[in-house]
Amino acid sequence: MASESQTELVLSFLGRHCAGRTRVEGYARALWADYQQLDIGDLGHFVAELTSGDDEKFWQRMWEMQLGSRLLRLGHSARSPAHGPDYRVEHDGRVVWIEAMSPSPKGLPEDWLSFPAPGPSRTFKTPNTEILLKWTGALKEKRAKFQGYARDRIIGPQDACVIAINGAQLTTFWKADYGVSQMPWAVEAVFPVGPLQAVFTAGKSGVTTSVSERFEIRTRNDSPVSLFSFLLPDYADISVAHLIQRAEVHSAS
């Protein structure tokens, strides 16, 4: 449970940070009320980051509160150890560890992250590759953390591991729940599914559509990034949760 001074600090910061956005402030306050009921190993560090004024840290911690609130309301006795993954829960007698991440929008096109402004009509291209690289980067980072926790024997060989990624920071006004395959980003990040393709058959008038195969994408430096990690045996203990939650948190007023 948070101390009185920690709660005062958080609520004061939320009042300033969400000034003029009543719904957002109310939502954040409700998340904090739920979060402090959990068994948090290093609440002081969490509060320091949430109230630091750094936008990326703020939204990362907001996602952790959202996740913790959801676990609490589903009846799980979630706890967050001082050293280890973000959450530990038990389900049907099995330990489940959860690492949460809200990837930063740094590097995405400014036009994509801006709200439409009055003036001449403009067209925008969805930065599909750039967004997908954010997902693969988050997956790689959290997978490495789980490997470290396993080496430290915090995670047992029979424990399940979940990487919970919130893509809300990767878009604002524009809807981007799915990639070029029309499947969720979490699917594109771990399975070799690519753009939709149209198939024309000689002598037939019909056309069929299907999802093409895509095994890698390239970074700006032309380095390959694989898109089939869930076909590899060493990812057998990892699950990825997908969520994009834009309106309530990022643009409500």
C-alpha atoms as a PDB file:
ATOM      1  CA  MET A   1       0.000   0.000   0.000  1.00  0.00           C
ATOM      2  CA  ALA A   2       1.266   3.447  -0.906  1.00  0.00           C
ATOM      3  CA  SER A   3       2.165   5.901   1.819  1.00  0.00           C
ATOM      4  CA  GLU A   4       0.160   9.073   2.253  1.00  0.00           C
ATOM      5  CA  SER A   5       2.995  11.149   0.808  1.00  0.00           C
ATOM      6  CA  GLN A   6       3.294   8.875  -2.263  1.00  0.00           C
ATOM      7  CA  THR A   7      -0.424   9.127  -2.943  1.00  0.00           C
ATOM      8  CA  GLU A   8      -0.345  12.892  -2.511  1.00  0.00           C
ATOM      9  CA  LEU A   9       2.579  13.136  -4.943  1.00  0.00           C
ATOM     10  CA  VAL A  10       0.880  10.952  -7.573  1.00  0.00           C
ATOM     11  CA  LEU A  11      -2.499  12.699  -7.390  1.00  0.00           C
ATOM     12  CA  SER A  12      -0.890  16.121  -7.490  1.00  0.00           C
ATOM     13  CA  PHE A  13       1.136  15.168 -10.547  1.00  0.00           C
ATOM     14  CA  LEU A  14      -1.883  13.678 -12.324  1.00  0.00           C
ATOM     15  CA  GLY A  15      -3.788  16.893 -11.719  1.00  0.00           C
ATOM     16  CA  ARG A  16      -1.037  18.884 -13.463  1.00  0.00           C
ATOM     17  CA  HIS A  17      -0.273  16.376 -16.189  1.00  0.00           C
ATOM     18  CA  CYS A  18      -3.910  15.859 -17.129  1.00  0.00           C
ATOM     19  CA  ALA A  19      -4.989  19.493 -16.709  1.00  0.00           C
ATOM     20  CA  GLY A  20      -8.083  20.148 -18.800  1.00  0.00           C
ATOM     21  CA  ARG A  21      -8.613  16.447 -19.489  1.00  0.00           C
ATOM     22  CA  THR A  22     -11.067  15.474 -16.796  1.00  0.00           C
ATOM     23  CA  ARG A  23     -11.794  11.986 -18.093  1.00  0.00           C
ATOM     24  CA  VAL A  24      -8.118  11.099 -18.387  1.00  0.00           C
ATOM     25  CA  GLU A  25      -7.376  12.318 -14.863  1.00  0.00           C
ATOM     26  CA  GLY A  26     -10.329  10.391 -13.437  1.00  0.00           C
ATOM     27  CA  TYR A  27      -9.240   7.254 -15.270  1.00  0.00           C
ATOM     28  CA  ALA A  28      -5.635   7.585 -14.054  1.00  0.00           C
ATOM     29  CA  ARG A  29      -6.775   8.158 -10.467  1.00  0.00           C
ATOM     30  CA  ALA A  30      -8.911   5.005 -10.616  1.00  0.00           C
ATOM     31  CA  LEU A  31      -5.937   3.009 -11.937  1.00  0.00           C
ATOM     32  CA  TRP A  32      -3.754   4.303  -9.107  1.00  0.00           C
ATOM     33  CA  ALA A  33      -6.397   3.336  -6.543  1.00  0.00           C
ATOM     34  CA  ASP A  34      -6.346  -0.234  -7.864  1.00  0.00           C
ATOM     35  CA  TYR A  35      -2.578  -0.420  -8.351  1.00  0.00           C
ATOM     36  CA  GLN A  36      -1.667   0.469  -4.797  1.00  0.00           C
ATOM     37  CA  GLN A  37      -3.740  -2.465  -3.568  1.00  0.00           C
ATOM     38  CA  LEU A  38      -1.294  -4.847  -5.227  1.00  0.00           C
ATOM     39  CA  ASP A  39       1.845  -6.235  -3.610  1.00  0.00           C
ATOM     40  CA  ILE A  40       4.448  -3.959  -5.234  1.00  0.00           C
ATOM     41  CA  GLY A  41       8.062  -4.654  -4.342  1.00  0.00           C
ATOM     42  CA  ASP A  42       9.518  -1.237  -5.246  1.00  0.00           C
ATOM     43  CA  LEU A  43       6.654   1.220  -5.196  1.00  0.00           C
ATOM     44  CA  GLY A  44       9.012   4.150  -4.579  1.00  0.00           C
ATOM     45  CA  HIS A  45      10.766   3.611  -7.912  1.00  0.00           C
ATOM     46  CA  PHE A  46       7.441   3.272  -9.689  1.00  0.00           C
ATOM     47  CA  VAL A  47       6.139   6.544  -8.233  1.00  0.00           C
ATOM     48  CA  ALA A  48       9.383   8.342  -9.107  1.00  0.00           C
ATOM     49  CA  GLU A  49       9.091   7.301 -12.771  1.00  0.00           C
ATOM     50  CA  LEU A  50       5.357   7.950 -13.026  1.00  0.00           C
ATOM     51  CA  THR A  51       5.785  11.504 -11.720  1.00  0.00           C
ATOM     52  CA  SER A  52       9.140  12.250 -13.416  1.00  0.00           C
ATOM     53  CA  GLY A  53       7.611  14.391 -16.164  1.00  0.00           C
ATOM     54  CA  ASP A  54       9.127  12.106 -18.813  1.00  0.00           C
ATOM     55  CA  ASP A  55       6.245  11.289 -21.181  1.00  0.00           C
ATOM     56  CA  GLU A  56       7.604   7.917 -22.248  1.00  0.00           C
ATOM     57  CA  LYS A  57       8.058   6.792 -18.642  1.00  0.00           C
ATOM     58  CA  PHE A  58       4.604   8.109 -17.770  1.00  0.00           C
ATOM     59  CA  TRP A  59       2.823   6.050 -20.431  1.00  0.00           C
ATOM     60  CA  GLN A  60       4.905   2.969 -19.627  1.00  0.00           C
ATOM     61  CA  ARG A  61       3.862   3.177 -15.991  1.00  0.00           C
ATOM     62  CA  MET A  62       0.268   3.919 -16.995  1.00  0.00           C
ATOM     63  CA  TRP A  63       0.262   0.669 -18.959  1.00  0.00           C
ATOM     64  CA  GLU A  64       1.596  -1.208 -15.949  1.00  0.00           C
ATOM     65  CA  MET A  65      -1.211   0.276 -13.847  1.00  0.00           C
ATOM     66  CA  GLN A  66      -3.787  -0.647 -16.485  1.00  0.00           C
ATOM     67  CA  LEU A  67      -2.529  -4.210 -16.514  1.00  0.00           C
ATOM     68  CA  GLY A  68      -2.367  -4.431 -12.723  1.00  0.00           C
ATOM     69  CA  SER A  69      -5.874  -3.015 -12.406  1.00  0.00           C
ATOM     70  CA  ARG A  70      -7.193  -5.548 -14.888  1.00  0.00           C
ATOM     71  CA  LEU A  71      -5.531  -8.447 -13.079  1.00  0.00           C
ATOM     72  CA  LEU A  72      -6.947  -7.224  -9.763  1.00  0.00           C
ATOM     73  CA  ARG A  73     -10.476  -6.936 -11.153  1.00  0.00           C
ATOM     74  CA  LEU A  74     -10.228 -10.416 -12.651  1.00  0.00           C
ATOM     75  CA  GLY A  75      -9.572 -11.716  -9.157  1.00  0.00           C
ATOM     76  CA  HIS A  76      -5.862 -12.466  -9.448  1.00  0.00           C
ATOM     77  CA  SER A  77      -3.561 -11.895  -6.488  1.00  0.00           C
ATOM     78  CA  ALA A  78      -0.910 -10.236  -8.612  1.00  0.00           C
ATOM     79  CA  ARG A  79       2.334  -9.087  -7.097  1.00  0.00           C
ATOM     80  CA  SER A  80       5.325  -7.231  -8.472  1.00  0.00           C
ATOM     81  CA  PRO A  81       8.665  -8.340  -6.986  1.00  0.00           C
ATOM     82  CA  ALA A  82      11.446  -5.786  -6.508  1.00  0.00           C
ATOM     83  CA  HIS A  83      13.690  -7.902  -8.728  1.00  0.00           C
ATOM     84  CA  GLY A  84      11.931  -9.848 -11.444  1.00  0.00           C
ATOM     85  CA  PRO A  85       9.188  -9.469 -14.041  1.00  0.00           C
ATOM     86  CA  ASP A  86       6.505  -6.823 -13.643  1.00  0.00           C
ATOM     87  CA  TYR A  87       3.853  -9.239 -12.355  1.00  0.00           C
ATOM     88  CA  ARG A  88       3.521 -12.707 -10.908  1.00  0.00           C
ATOM     89  CA  VAL A  89       0.162 -14.479 -10.791  1.00  0.00           C
ATOM     90  CA  GLU A  90      -0.952 -18.063 -10.373  1.00  0.00           C
ATOM     91  CA  HIS A  91      -3.546 -19.662 -12.631  1.00  0.00           C
ATOM     92  CA  ASP A  92      -4.761 -23.245 -12.300  1.00  0.00           C
ATOM     93  CA  GLY A  93      -1.768 -24.057 -10.118  1.00  0.00           C
ATOM     94  CA  ARG A  94       0.784 -22.664 -12.569  1.00  0.00           C
ATOM     95  CA  VAL A  95       2.945 -19.596 -12.033  1.00  0.00           C
ATOM     96  CA  VAL A  96       2.587 -16.975 -14.759  1.00  0.00           C
ATOM     97  CA  TRP A  97       5.082 -14.127 -15.102  1.00  0.00           C
ATOM     98  CA  ILE A  98       4.181 -10.982 -17.046  1.00  0.00           C
ATOM     99  CA  GLU A  99       6.477  -8.351 -18.524  1.00  0.00           C
ATOM    100  CA  ALA A 100       4.682  -5.186 -19.678  1.00  0.00           C
ATOM    101  CA  MET A 101       5.903  -2.731 -22.281  1.00  0.00           C
ATOM    102  CA  SER A 102       4.528   0.284 -24.116  1.00  0.00           C
ATOM    103  CA  PRO A 103       7.012   0.966 -26.944  1.00  0.00           C
ATOM    104  CA  SER A 104       8.149   4.546 -27.438  1.00  0.00           C
ATOM    105  CA  PRO A 105       7.039   6.366 -30.613  1.00  0.00           C
ATOM    106  CA  LYS A 106      10.530   7.813 -31.067  1.00  0.00           C
ATOM    107  CA  GLY A 107      11.552   7.571 -34.714  1.00  0.00           C
ATOM    108  CA  LEU A 108       8.055   7.348 -36.173  1.00  0.00           C
ATOM    109  CA  PRO A 109       7.110  10.026 -38.744  1.00  0.00           C
ATOM    110  CA  GLU A 110       5.908  13.264 -37.170  1.00  0.00           C
ATOM    111  CA  ASP A 111       2.949  13.434 -39.565  1.00  0.00           C
ATOM    112  CA  TRP A 112       1.797  10.040 -38.336  1.00  0.00           C
ATOM    113  CA  LEU A 113       1.883  11.107 -34.690  1.00  0.00           C
ATOM    114  CA  SER A 114       0.194  14.492 -35.256  1.00  0.00           C
ATOM    115  CA  PHE A 115      -3.494  15.264 -35.214  1.00  0.00           C
ATOM    116  CA  PRO A 116      -4.923  16.613 -38.502  1.00  0.00           C
ATOM    117  CA  ALA A 117      -4.673  20.396 -38.768  1.00  0.00           C
ATOM    118  CA  PRO A 118      -6.886  22.799 -40.742  1.00  0.00           C
ATOM    119  CA  GLY A 119      -5.641  23.539 -44.235  1.00  0.00           C
ATOM    120  CA  PRO A 120      -5.143  21.815 -47.573  1.00  0.00           C
ATOM    121  CA  SER A 121      -5.884  18.105 -47.852  1.00  0.00           C
ATOM    122  CA  ARG A 122      -2.901  15.838 -47.267  1.00  0.00           C
ATOM    123  CA  THR A 123      -2.245  12.143 -47.596  1.00  0.00           C
ATOM    124  CA  PHE A 124      -0.388   9.979 -45.111  1.00  0.00           C
ATOM    125  CA  LYS A 125       1.258   6.608 -45.384  1.00  0.00           C
ATOM    126  CA  THR A 126       0.944   4.225 -42.476  1.00  0.00           C
ATOM    127  CA  PRO A 127       4.514   3.462 -41.301  1.00  0.00           C
ATOM    128  CA  ASN A 128       3.866  -0.279 -41.134  1.00  0.00           C
ATOM    129  CA  THR A 129       7.495  -1.377 -41.129  1.00  0.00           C
ATOM    130  CA  GLU A 130       8.508   1.188 -38.515  1.00  0.00           C
ATOM    131  CA  ILE A 131       5.634   0.190 -36.222  1.00  0.00           C
ATOM    132  CA  LEU A 132       6.349  -3.511 -36.642  1.00  0.00           C
ATOM    133  CA  LEU A 133       9.995  -2.894 -35.741  1.00  0.00           C
ATOM    134  CA  LYS A 134       8.777  -1.342 -32.488  1.00  0.00           C
ATOM    135  CA  TRP A 135       6.906  -4.561 -31.740  1.00  0.00           C
ATOM    136  CA  THR A 136       9.803  -6.839 -32.628  1.00  0.00           C
ATOM    137  CA  GLY A 137      12.139  -4.639 -30.579  1.00  0.00           C
ATOM    138  CA  ALA A 138       9.854  -4.838 -27.545  1.00  0.00           C
ATOM    139  CA  LEU A 139       9.587  -8.604 -27.936  1.00  0.00           C
ATOM    140  CA  LYS A 140      13.365  -8.990 -28.175  1.00  0.00           C
ATOM    141  CA  GLU A 141      14.004  -6.757 -25.148  1.00  0.00           C
ATOM    142  CA  LYS A 142      11.505  -8.512 -22.916  1.00  0.00           C
ATOM    143  CA  ARG A 143      12.572 -11.958 -24.091  1.00  0.00           C
ATOM    144  CA  ALA A 144      16.135 -11.104 -23.043  1.00  0.00           C
ATOM    145  CA  LYS A 145      14.841 -10.037 -19.624  1.00  0.00           C
ATOM    146  CA  PHE A 146      13.021 -13.332 -19.166  1.00  0.00           C
ATOM    147  CA  GLN A 147      16.195 -15.211 -20.076  1.00  0.00           C
ATOM    148  CA  GLY A 148      18.076 -13.256 -17.413  1.00  0.00           C
ATOM    149  CA  TYR A 149      15.426 -13.982 -14.790  1.00  0.00           C
ATOM    150  CA  ALA A 150      15.617 -17.665 -15.690  1.00  0.00           C
ATOM    151  CA  ARG A 151      19.411 -17.633 -15.219  1.00  0.00           C
ATOM    152  CA  ASP A 152      18.876 -15.982 -11.827  1.00  0.00           C
ATOM    153  CA  ARG A 153      16.384 -18.758 -11.003  1.00  0.00           C
ATOM    154  CA  ILE A 154      13.590 -16.284 -10.388  1.00  0.00           C
ATOM    155  CA  ILE A 155      11.589 -18.037 -13.102  1.00  0.00           C
ATOM    156  CA  GLY A 156      11.181 -21.791 -12.861  1.00  0.00           C
ATOM    157  CA  PRO A 157      11.346 -24.206 -15.820  1.00  0.00           C
ATOM    158  CA  GLN A 158       7.604 -24.900 -15.628  1.00  0.00           C
ATOM    159  CA  ASP A 159       6.538 -21.262 -15.289  1.00  0.00           C
ATOM    160  CA  ALA A 160       4.716 -19.481 -18.107  1.00  0.00           C
ATOM    161  CA  CYS A 161       5.921 -16.124 -19.441  1.00  0.00           C
ATOM    162  CA  VAL A 162       3.748 -13.435 -21.030  1.00  0.00           C
ATOM    163  CA  ILE A 163       4.974 -10.323 -22.819  1.00  0.00           C
ATOM    164  CA  ALA A 164       2.138  -7.770 -22.677  1.00  0.00           C
ATOM    165  CA  ILE A 165       2.664  -5.046 -25.286  1.00  0.00           C
ATOM    166  CA  ASN A 166       0.514  -1.924 -25.476  1.00  0.00           C
ATOM    167  CA  GLY A 167       0.882  -0.098 -28.787  1.00  0.00           C
ATOM    168  CA  ALA A 168      -1.016   3.024 -27.767  1.00  0.00           C
ATOM    169  CA  GLN A 169       2.050   5.267 -28.052  1.00  0.00           C
ATOM    170  CA  LEU A 170       2.581   4.216 -31.664  1.00  0.00           C
ATOM    171  CA  THR A 171      -0.466   6.064 -32.965  1.00  0.00           C
ATOM    172  CA  THR A 172      -2.688   8.956 -31.952  1.00  0.00           C
ATOM    173  CA  PHE A 173      -5.533  10.013 -34.235  1.00  0.00           C
ATOM    174  CA  TRP A 174      -4.976   7.370 -36.902  1.00  0.00           C
ATOM    175  CA  LYS A 175      -6.346   3.882 -36.414  1.00  0.00           C
ATOM    176  CA  ALA A 176      -3.610   1.242 -36.526  1.00  0.00           C
ATOM    177  CA  ASP A 177      -4.781  -1.926 -34.807  1.00  0.00           C
ATOM    178  CA  TYR A 178      -3.487  -4.167 -37.577  1.00  0.00           C
ATOM    179  CA  GLY A 179      -0.521  -4.465 -39.913  1.00  0.00           C
ATOM    180  CA  VAL A 180      -0.343  -5.092 -43.663  1.00  0.00           C
ATOM    181  CA  SER A 181      -1.639  -8.646 -43.198  1.00  0.00           C
ATOM    182  CA  GLN A 182      -4.800  -7.258 -41.563  1.00  0.00           C
ATOM    183  CA  MET A 183      -3.842  -9.270 -38.499  1.00  0.00           C
ATOM    184  CA  PRO A 184      -2.838  -7.832 -35.116  1.00  0.00           C
ATOM    185  CA  TRP A 185       0.719  -6.558 -34.738  1.00  0.00           C
ATOM    186  CA  ALA A 186       1.459  -9.292 -32.209  1.00  0.00           C
ATOM    187  CA  VAL A 187       0.794 -11.908 -34.899  1.00  0.00           C
ATOM    188  CA  GLU A 188       2.981 -10.162 -37.488  1.00  0.00           C
ATOM    189  CA  ALA A 189       5.827  -9.840 -34.978  1.00  0.00           C
ATOM    190  CA  VAL A 190       6.106 -13.570 -34.281  1.00  0.00           C
ATOM    191  CA  PHE A 191       4.729 -15.381 -37.354  1.00  0.00           C
ATOM    192  CA  PRO A 192       5.812 -15.031 -41.022  1.00  0.00           C
ATOM    193  CA  VAL A 193       2.618 -13.421 -42.317  1.00  0.00           C
ATOM    194  CA  GLY A 194       2.907 -10.648 -44.889  1.00  0.00           C
ATOM    195  CA  PRO A 195       0.723  -8.386 -47.034  1.00  0.00           C
ATOM    196  CA  LEU A 196      -2.543  -9.567 -48.534  1.00  0.00           C
ATOM    197  CA  GLN A 197      -2.125 -10.866 -52.069  1.00  0.00           C
ATOM    198  CA  ALA A 198      -4.566 -11.380 -54.931  1.00  0.00           C
ATOM    199  CA  VAL A 199      -4.322 -14.647 -56.844  1.00  0.00           C
ATOM    200  CA  PHE A 200      -5.484 -14.766 -60.474  1.00  0.00           C
ATOM    201  CA  THR A 201      -5.827 -18.178 -62.123  1.00  0.00           C
ATOM    202  CA  ALA A 202      -5.456 -18.523 -65.887  1.00  0.00           C
ATOM    203  CA  GLY A 203      -8.714 -19.426 -67.567  1.00  0.00           C
ATOM    204  CA  LYS A 204     -10.829 -18.436 -64.581  1.00  0.00           C
ATOM    205  CA  SER A 205     -12.611 -15.142 -63.982  1.00  0.00           C
ATOM    206  CA  GLY A 206     -12.520 -15.204 -60.223  1.00  0.00           C
ATOM    207  CA  VAL A 207      -9.833 -13.869 -57.925  1.00  0.00           C
ATOM    208  CA  THR A 208      -8.910 -15.079 -54.467  1.00  0.00           C
ATOM    209  CA  THR A 209      -7.038 -13.277 -51.741  1.00  0.00           C
ATOM    210  CA  SER A 210      -4.654 -14.746 -49.223  1.00  0.00           C
ATOM    211  CA  VAL A 211      -1.961 -13.696 -46.797  1.00  0.00           C
ATOM    212  CA  SER A 212       1.538 -13.875 -48.235  1.00  0.00           C
ATOM    213  CA  GLU A 213       4.600 -15.159 -46.411  1.00  0.00           C
ATOM    214  CA  ARG A 214       7.128 -12.723 -44.982  1.00  0.00           C
ATOM    215  CA  PHE A 215      10.041 -13.994 -42.937  1.00  0.00           C
ATOM    216  CA  GLU A 216      11.896 -10.766 -42.264  1.00  0.00           C
ATOM    217  CA  ILE A 217      11.835  -7.003 -42.520  1.00  0.00           C
ATOM    218  CA  ARG A 218      14.734  -4.565 -42.740  1.00  0.00           C
ATOM    219  CA  THR A 219      15.796  -1.773 -40.438  1.00  0.00           C
ATOM    220  CA  ARG A 220      16.914   1.638 -41.701  1.00  0.00           C
ATOM    221  CA  ASN A 221      20.465   0.271 -41.704  1.00  0.00           C
ATOM    222  CA  ASP A 222      19.289  -2.643 -43.892  1.00  0.00           C
ATOM    223  CA  SER A 223      19.764  -5.167 -41.080  1.00  0.00           C
ATOM    224  CA  PRO A 224      17.362  -8.144 -41.229  1.00  0.00           C
ATOM    225  CA  VAL A 225      14.842  -8.692 -38.424  1.00  0.00           C
ATOM    226  CA  SER A 226      13.186 -12.113 -38.352  1.00  0.00           C
ATOM    227  CA  LEU A 227       9.426 -12.462 -38.071  1.00  0.00           C
ATOM    228  CA  PHE A 228       9.061 -16.111 -37.103  1.00  0.00           C
ATOM    229  CA  SER A 229      10.225 -16.328 -33.490  1.00  0.00           C
ATOM    230  CA  PHE A 230       7.192 -18.378 -32.441  1.00  0.00           C
ATOM    231  CA  LEU A 231       8.271 -21.119 -34.843  1.00  0.00           C
ATOM    232  CA  LEU A 232      11.502 -21.534 -32.868  1.00  0.00           C
ATOM    233  CA  PRO A 233      11.707 -24.018 -29.958  1.00  0.00           C
ATOM    234  CA  ASP A 234      13.391 -21.547 -27.583  1.00  0.00           C
ATOM    235  CA  TYR A 235      10.270 -19.355 -27.637  1.00  0.00           C
ATOM    236  CA  ALA A 236       8.009 -22.206 -26.513  1.00  0.00           C
ATOM    237  CA  ASP A 237       7.522 -20.676 -23.051  1.00  0.00           C
ATOM    238  CA  ILE A 238       6.631 -17.180 -24.301  1.00  0.00           C
ATOM    239  CA  SER A 239       3.211 -15.745 -25.069  1.00  0.00           C
ATOM    240  CA  VAL A 240       2.522 -12.249 -26.389  1.00  0.00           C
ATOM    241  CA  ALA A 241      -0.493 -10.203 -25.371  1.00  0.00           C
ATOM    242  CA  HIS A 242      -1.636  -7.497 -27.781  1.00  0.00           C
ATOM    243  CA  LEU A 243      -3.425  -4.282 -26.906  1.00  0.00           C
ATOM    244  CA  ILE A 244      -3.906  -0.930 -28.546  1.00  0.00           C
ATOM    245  CA  GLN A 245      -5.938   1.434 -26.422  1.00  0.00           C
ATOM    246  CA  ARG A 246      -5.941   4.908 -27.886  1.00  0.00           C
ATOM    247  CA  ALA A 247      -8.961   7.022 -27.157  1.00  0.00           C
ATOM    248  CA  GLU A 248      -9.424   6.926 -23.399  1.00  0.00           C
ATOM    249  CA  VAL A 249      -5.797   7.331 -22.405  1.00  0.00           C
ATOM    250  CA  HIS A 250      -4.210   9.439 -25.121  1.00  0.00           C
ATOM    251  CA  SER A 251      -6.788  11.753 -26.619  1.00  0.00           C
ATOM    252  CA  ALA A 252      -9.758  12.072 -24.289  1.00  0.00           C
ATOM    253  CA  SER A 253     -10.548  15.582 -23.141  1.00  0.00           C
END
